[in-house]
Amino acid sequence: MFDAQYTLTESIYPKEDWGHSSHIMGVELAMRAGVNHLCLFHSEPTASDEQLEQIETSTRRYAHLHDKSYPLKISQAYDGLEIHM
């Protein structure tokens, strides 16, 4: 579970000191730590469903570009989500 409230641009500027991270940072840390499933949560409250889908899509795209061979599953958290290990 990773706090990805902002896009990378938002997390660098203008909200760099707000205490939240981005989906791109989540991918970087997950791959370095050997994580199998990255679940993004704490999305921007004003974000629409379409914006959240775009973030999830761009997160997958970035992970693929970063390391095509790394099998990282990426999902968005939602109310009622259950993750079985």
N, C-alpha and C. Protein backbone atom coordinates (compact mmCIF):
# COMPACT_ATOMS: atom_id res chain seq x y z
N MET A 1 0.87 -1.17 0.00
CA MET A 1 0.00 0.00 0.00
C MET A 1 0.90 1.22 0.00
N PHE A 2 0.64 2.13 -0.92
CA PHE A 2 1.51 3.29 -1.06
C PHE A 2 0.69 4.56 -1.24
N ASP A 3 0.99 5.57 -0.46
CA ASP A 3 0.34 6.87 -0.55
C ASP A 3 0.77 7.55 -1.84
N ALA A 4 -0.15 7.60 -2.78
CA ALA A 4 0.13 8.21 -4.08
C ALA A 4 -0.92 9.28 -4.38
N GLN A 5 -1.03 10.23 -3.47
CA GLN A 5 -2.08 11.23 -3.60
C GLN A 5 -1.88 12.14 -4.81
N TYR A 6 -0.63 12.37 -5.18
CA TYR A 6 -0.36 13.34 -6.24
C TYR A 6 0.36 12.72 -7.43
N THR A 7 0.27 13.41 -8.55
CA THR A 7 1.10 13.07 -9.69
C THR A 7 2.53 13.47 -9.34
N LEU A 8 3.49 13.03 -10.12
CA LEU A 8 4.88 13.39 -9.85
C LEU A 8 5.06 14.90 -9.89
N THR A 9 4.46 15.55 -10.87
CA THR A 9 4.57 17.01 -10.98
C THR A 9 4.01 17.71 -9.75
N GLU A 10 2.84 17.27 -9.30
CA GLU A 10 2.23 17.88 -8.11
C GLU A 10 3.08 17.64 -6.86
N SER A 11 3.68 16.44 -6.75
CA SER A 11 4.44 16.14 -5.54
C SER A 11 5.76 16.90 -5.48
N ILE A 12 6.24 17.37 -6.63
CA ILE A 12 7.47 18.16 -6.66
C ILE A 12 7.14 19.64 -6.53
N TYR A 13 6.12 20.06 -7.24
CA TYR A 13 5.72 21.46 -7.22
C TYR A 13 4.25 21.51 -7.58
N PRO A 14 3.42 22.12 -6.89
CA PRO A 14 3.55 23.06 -5.78
C PRO A 14 3.34 22.43 -4.40
N LYS A 15 3.20 21.10 -4.32
CA LYS A 15 2.82 20.47 -3.05
C LYS A 15 3.95 19.65 -2.44
N GLU A 16 5.18 20.04 -2.69
CA GLU A 16 6.33 19.25 -2.25
C GLU A 16 6.43 19.08 -0.74
N ASP A 17 5.90 20.00 0.03
CA ASP A 17 6.01 19.90 1.48
C ASP A 17 4.68 19.55 2.16
N TRP A 18 3.77 18.92 1.42
CA TRP A 18 2.47 18.58 1.97
C TRP A 18 2.45 17.18 2.61
N GLY A 19 3.53 16.42 2.48
CA GLY A 19 3.63 15.13 3.14
C GLY A 19 3.03 13.96 2.40
N HIS A 20 2.81 14.08 1.10
CA HIS A 20 2.28 12.98 0.30
C HIS A 20 3.24 12.67 -0.83
N SER A 21 3.04 11.53 -1.45
CA SER A 21 3.96 11.08 -2.49
C SER A 21 3.23 10.95 -3.82
N SER A 22 3.92 10.35 -4.79
CA SER A 22 3.35 10.17 -6.12
C SER A 22 3.41 8.71 -6.55
N HIS A 23 2.63 8.40 -7.56
CA HIS A 23 2.59 7.04 -8.10
C HIS A 23 3.94 6.62 -8.69
N ILE A 24 4.67 7.55 -9.26
CA ILE A 24 5.98 7.24 -9.84
C ILE A 24 6.98 6.87 -8.74
N MET A 25 6.96 7.60 -7.66
CA MET A 25 7.84 7.26 -6.53
C MET A 25 7.48 5.88 -5.98
N GLY A 26 6.19 5.55 -6.00
CA GLY A 26 5.75 4.24 -5.56
C GLY A 26 6.35 3.12 -6.39
N VAL A 27 6.38 3.30 -7.70
CA VAL A 27 6.98 2.30 -8.59
C VAL A 27 8.46 2.15 -8.29
N GLU A 28 9.14 3.27 -8.18
CA GLU A 28 10.58 3.24 -7.90
C GLU A 28 10.88 2.47 -6.61
N LEU A 29 10.18 2.80 -5.54
CA LEU A 29 10.42 2.14 -4.26
C LEU A 29 10.00 0.67 -4.28
N ALA A 30 8.87 0.37 -4.93
CA ALA A 30 8.40 -1.01 -4.99
C ALA A 30 9.41 -1.90 -5.71
N MET A 31 9.93 -1.43 -6.81
CA MET A 31 10.90 -2.24 -7.56
C MET A 31 12.20 -2.40 -6.79
N ARG A 32 12.64 -1.37 -6.14
CA ARG A 32 13.88 -1.47 -5.34
C ARG A 32 13.71 -2.43 -4.17
N ALA A 33 12.50 -2.51 -3.62
CA ALA A 33 12.25 -3.35 -2.46
C ALA A 33 11.82 -4.77 -2.83
N GLY A 34 11.64 -5.04 -4.12
CA GLY A 34 11.24 -6.38 -4.55
C GLY A 34 9.77 -6.68 -4.30
N VAL A 35 8.94 -5.66 -4.33
CA VAL A 35 7.50 -5.80 -4.09
C VAL A 35 6.83 -6.44 -5.30
N ASN A 36 5.83 -7.29 -5.04
CA ASN A 36 5.09 -7.95 -6.12
C ASN A 36 3.83 -7.20 -6.52
N HIS A 37 3.20 -6.51 -5.55
CA HIS A 37 1.92 -5.84 -5.81
C HIS A 37 1.96 -4.44 -5.20
N LEU A 38 1.85 -3.44 -6.03
CA LEU A 38 1.80 -2.05 -5.59
C LEU A 38 0.35 -1.59 -5.65
N CYS A 39 -0.18 -1.21 -4.51
CA CYS A 39 -1.56 -0.75 -4.43
C CYS A 39 -1.53 0.72 -4.03
N LEU A 40 -2.03 1.57 -4.91
CA LEU A 40 -2.02 3.02 -4.70
C LEU A 40 -3.25 3.42 -3.90
N PHE A 41 -3.05 4.26 -2.88
CA PHE A 41 -4.18 4.74 -2.09
C PHE A 41 -4.00 6.21 -1.76
N HIS A 42 -4.97 6.76 -1.08
CA HIS A 42 -4.98 8.15 -0.65
C HIS A 42 -4.95 9.10 -1.84
N SER A 43 -5.83 8.84 -2.79
CA SER A 43 -5.89 9.68 -3.98
C SER A 43 -6.46 11.06 -3.65
N GLU A 44 -6.14 12.01 -4.49
CA GLU A 44 -6.62 13.38 -4.34
C GLU A 44 -8.15 13.37 -4.26
N PRO A 45 -8.73 13.92 -3.19
CA PRO A 45 -10.19 13.88 -3.02
C PRO A 45 -10.98 14.53 -4.17
N THR A 46 -10.38 15.48 -4.84
CA THR A 46 -11.09 16.15 -5.94
C THR A 46 -10.90 15.45 -7.28
N ALA A 47 -10.12 14.37 -7.31
CA ALA A 47 -9.86 13.67 -8.57
C ALA A 47 -11.10 12.90 -9.02
N SER A 48 -11.36 12.96 -10.30
CA SER A 48 -12.48 12.21 -10.87
C SER A 48 -12.07 10.76 -11.10
N ASP A 49 -13.05 9.91 -11.36
CA ASP A 49 -12.74 8.51 -11.68
C ASP A 49 -11.83 8.42 -12.90
N GLU A 50 -12.06 9.27 -13.87
CA GLU A 50 -11.23 9.28 -15.08
C GLU A 50 -9.78 9.66 -14.75
N GLN A 51 -9.60 10.63 -13.89
CA GLN A 51 -8.25 11.02 -13.49
C GLN A 51 -7.54 9.88 -12.75
N LEU A 52 -8.27 9.18 -11.89
CA LEU A 52 -7.68 8.05 -11.17
C LEU A 52 -7.30 6.93 -12.14
N GLU A 53 -8.13 6.70 -13.15
CA GLU A 53 -7.81 5.70 -14.16
C GLU A 53 -6.57 6.11 -14.95
N GLN A 54 -6.45 7.39 -15.26
CA GLN A 54 -5.26 7.88 -15.97
C GLN A 54 -4.00 7.68 -15.13
N ILE A 55 -4.10 7.92 -13.83
CA ILE A 55 -2.95 7.72 -12.95
C ILE A 55 -2.56 6.25 -12.92
N GLU A 56 -3.54 5.38 -12.81
CA GLU A 56 -3.25 3.94 -12.80
C GLU A 56 -2.61 3.51 -14.12
N THR A 57 -3.14 3.99 -15.23
CA THR A 57 -2.58 3.66 -16.54
C THR A 57 -1.16 4.19 -16.68
N SER A 58 -0.93 5.43 -16.28
CA SER A 58 0.42 5.99 -16.40
C SER A 58 1.40 5.31 -15.45
N THR A 59 0.90 4.82 -14.32
CA THR A 59 1.75 4.08 -13.38
C THR A 59 2.20 2.78 -14.02
N ARG A 60 1.28 2.07 -14.64
CA ARG A 60 1.64 0.82 -15.34
C ARG A 60 2.62 1.09 -16.49
N ARG A 61 2.36 2.14 -17.22
CA ARG A 61 3.23 2.50 -18.35
C ARG A 61 4.64 2.81 -17.85
N TYR A 62 4.73 3.58 -16.78
CA TYR A 62 6.04 3.92 -16.23
C TYR A 62 6.77 2.66 -15.74
N ALA A 63 6.06 1.79 -15.03
CA ALA A 63 6.68 0.56 -14.52
C ALA A 63 7.22 -0.28 -15.67
N HIS A 64 6.46 -0.36 -16.76
CA HIS A 64 6.90 -1.13 -17.92
C HIS A 64 8.14 -0.50 -18.56
N LEU A 65 8.15 0.81 -18.68
CA LEU A 65 9.31 1.50 -19.25
C LEU A 65 10.53 1.40 -18.34
N HIS A 66 10.29 1.43 -17.04
CA HIS A 66 11.37 1.38 -16.07
C HIS A 66 12.08 0.02 -16.09
N ASP A 67 11.27 -1.06 -16.15
CA ASP A 67 11.85 -2.41 -16.18
C ASP A 67 10.81 -3.37 -16.75
N LYS A 68 10.94 -3.65 -18.04
CA LYS A 68 9.96 -4.50 -18.73
C LYS A 68 9.86 -5.90 -18.14
N SER A 69 10.93 -6.37 -17.54
CA SER A 69 10.95 -7.75 -17.05
C SER A 69 10.43 -7.88 -15.61
N TYR A 70 10.21 -6.78 -14.93
CA TYR A 70 9.77 -6.84 -13.53
C TYR A 70 8.26 -7.08 -13.47
N PRO A 71 7.83 -8.14 -12.80
CA PRO A 71 6.39 -8.49 -12.77
C PRO A 71 5.62 -7.76 -11.66
N LEU A 72 5.54 -6.46 -11.72
CA LEU A 72 4.86 -5.67 -10.69
C LEU A 72 3.38 -5.52 -11.01
N LYS A 73 2.53 -6.03 -10.13
CA LYS A 73 1.09 -5.83 -10.27
C LYS A 73 0.77 -4.47 -9.66
N ILE A 74 -0.06 -3.70 -10.35
CA ILE A 74 -0.42 -2.35 -9.89
C ILE A 74 -1.93 -2.23 -9.84
N SER A 75 -2.44 -1.71 -8.74
CA SER A 75 -3.88 -1.50 -8.62
C SER A 75 -4.15 -0.25 -7.78
N GLN A 76 -5.38 0.23 -7.89
CA GLN A 76 -5.85 1.36 -7.09
C GLN A 76 -6.66 0.80 -5.92
N ALA A 77 -6.43 1.32 -4.75
CA ALA A 77 -7.24 0.93 -3.60
C ALA A 77 -8.65 1.52 -3.75
N TYR A 78 -9.62 0.83 -3.21
CA TYR A 78 -10.99 1.32 -3.20
C TYR A 78 -11.69 0.74 -1.98
N ASP A 79 -12.79 1.35 -1.59
CA ASP A 79 -13.54 0.87 -0.43
C ASP A 79 -13.95 -0.58 -0.65
N GLY A 80 -13.63 -1.43 0.30
CA GLY A 80 -13.99 -2.83 0.24
C GLY A 80 -12.95 -3.72 -0.42
N LEU A 81 -11.86 -3.15 -0.90
CA LEU A 81 -10.81 -3.95 -1.54
C LEU A 81 -10.23 -4.94 -0.55
N GLU A 82 -10.08 -6.19 -0.98
CA GLU A 82 -9.42 -7.20 -0.18
C GLU A 82 -8.22 -7.71 -0.98
N ILE A 83 -7.07 -7.80 -0.31
CA ILE A 83 -5.87 -8.32 -0.95
C ILE A 83 -5.49 -9.60 -0.23
N HIS A 84 -5.43 -10.67 -0.98
CA HIS A 84 -5.10 -11.97 -0.42
C HIS A 84 -3.67 -12.31 -0.81
N MET A 85 -2.92 -12.76 0.19
CA MET A 85 -1.52 -13.08 -0.05
C MET A 85 -1.29 -14.56 0.00
